[in-house]
Amino acid sequence: MSEKQKKASAYWKENVRYLFILLAIWFAVSYGAGILFKDTLNEIKVGGFELGFWFAQQGSIYVFVILIFVYVRLMNTLDKKYGYDE
C-alpha cells in the first residue's frame, strides 16, 4: 500500500469515527430524551412545555443542526491534518 493510500485510509477511518460519534449523540438526544426518558424529563417545564415533549418536537432538531456545524468544523480540521484542504 502506498503512502497516499495509507493517508486516505486513515482519513476515512477518522471521518467514519466522527460520523458514528455524532450520530450516536443525535440518537441519544432524539430517541433517548424524546422517548425513553420522556416521563422523567416531563417533570421539568421549559416555556410552559414539558421537557420530554420539547425534546421530541424541537430539541432533537436543534441538536441535529448544531451537530452539522460541529461536523463541518471537525472535517475542516481533518482536511487540514491530512492535507486535503483547498
Protein backbone atom coordinates (compact mmCIF):
# COMPACT_ATOMS: atom_id res chain seq x y z
CA MET A 1 0.00 0.00 0.00
CA SER A 2 1.38 3.37 -0.99
CA GLU A 3 1.78 6.32 1.36
CA LYS A 4 -1.08 8.12 -0.40
CA GLN A 5 -3.40 5.14 0.12
CA LYS A 6 -2.42 4.88 3.80
CA LYS A 7 -3.16 8.57 4.28
CA ALA A 8 -6.53 8.24 2.53
CA SER A 9 -7.40 5.16 4.58
CA ALA A 10 -6.53 6.91 7.85
CA TYR A 11 -8.54 9.95 6.77
CA TRP A 12 -11.68 7.91 6.08
CA LYS A 13 -11.27 5.86 9.23
CA GLU A 14 -11.20 9.04 11.31
CA ASN A 15 -14.09 10.52 9.29
CA VAL A 16 -16.29 7.45 9.92
CA ARG A 17 -15.40 7.55 13.62
CA TYR A 18 -16.59 11.18 13.80
CA LEU A 19 -19.81 10.23 11.99
CA PHE A 20 -20.58 7.39 14.39
CA ILE A 21 -19.94 9.57 17.44
CA LEU A 22 -22.10 12.43 16.17
CA LEU A 23 -24.91 10.11 15.08
CA ALA A 24 -24.80 8.40 18.48
CA ILE A 25 -25.21 11.78 20.16
CA TRP A 26 -28.13 12.63 17.89
CA PHE A 27 -29.73 9.22 18.53
CA ALA A 28 -29.32 9.62 22.29
CA VAL A 29 -30.94 13.05 22.22
CA SER A 30 -33.77 12.29 19.80
CA TYR A 31 -34.64 8.74 20.85
CA GLY A 32 -33.41 8.76 24.42
CA ALA A 33 -34.63 12.17 25.54
CA GLY A 34 -37.73 12.19 23.36
CA ILE A 35 -38.93 8.64 24.03
CA LEU A 36 -37.03 6.65 26.67
CA PHE A 37 -36.57 9.38 29.29
CA LYS A 38 -39.71 11.33 28.38
CA ASP A 39 -41.53 10.68 31.66
CA THR A 40 -38.58 11.77 33.77
CA LEU A 41 -37.92 14.85 31.62
CA ASN A 42 -41.60 15.82 31.63
CA GLU A 43 -41.22 16.80 35.28
CA ILE A 44 -39.22 19.83 34.06
CA LYS A 45 -41.05 22.65 32.26
CA VAL A 46 -39.48 24.84 29.55
CA GLY A 47 -41.56 27.75 28.33
CA GLY A 48 -44.70 26.12 29.67
CA PHE A 49 -43.99 22.82 27.88
CA GLU A 50 -42.75 19.57 29.37
CA LEU A 51 -39.08 18.98 28.59
CA GLY A 52 -39.68 15.47 27.19
CA PHE A 53 -42.24 16.88 24.75
CA TRP A 54 -39.85 19.72 23.84
CA PHE A 55 -37.01 17.28 23.05
CA ALA A 56 -39.32 15.12 20.95
CA GLN A 57 -40.63 18.12 18.98
CA GLN A 58 -37.79 20.66 18.85
CA GLY A 59 -34.74 19.60 20.80
CA SER A 60 -33.59 16.83 18.50
CA ILE A 61 -33.84 19.17 15.51
CA TYR A 62 -31.76 21.84 17.26
CA VAL A 63 -29.18 19.26 18.30
CA PHE A 64 -29.03 17.95 14.72
CA VAL A 65 -28.35 21.45 13.34
CA ILE A 66 -25.66 22.02 15.99
CA LEU A 67 -24.08 18.67 15.10
CA ILE A 68 -23.94 19.72 11.45
CA PHE A 69 -21.82 22.73 12.41
CA VAL A 70 -19.67 20.55 14.69
CA TYR A 71 -19.16 18.10 11.81
CA VAL A 72 -18.15 20.90 9.44
CA ARG A 73 -15.59 22.14 11.95
CA LEU A 74 -14.26 18.62 12.57
CA MET A 75 -13.98 17.95 8.84
CA ASN A 76 -12.17 21.23 8.19
CA THR A 77 -9.66 20.28 10.89
CA LEU A 78 -9.36 16.75 9.50
CA ASP A 79 -8.86 18.05 5.95
CA LYS A 80 -6.03 20.28 7.11
CA LYS A 81 -4.48 17.45 9.12
CA TYR A 82 -4.29 15.17 6.07
CA GLY A 83 -3.59 17.89 3.50
CA TYR A 84 -6.94 17.76 1.73
CA ASP A 85 -7.90 21.36 2.41
CA GLU A 86 -8.30 23.72 -0.51
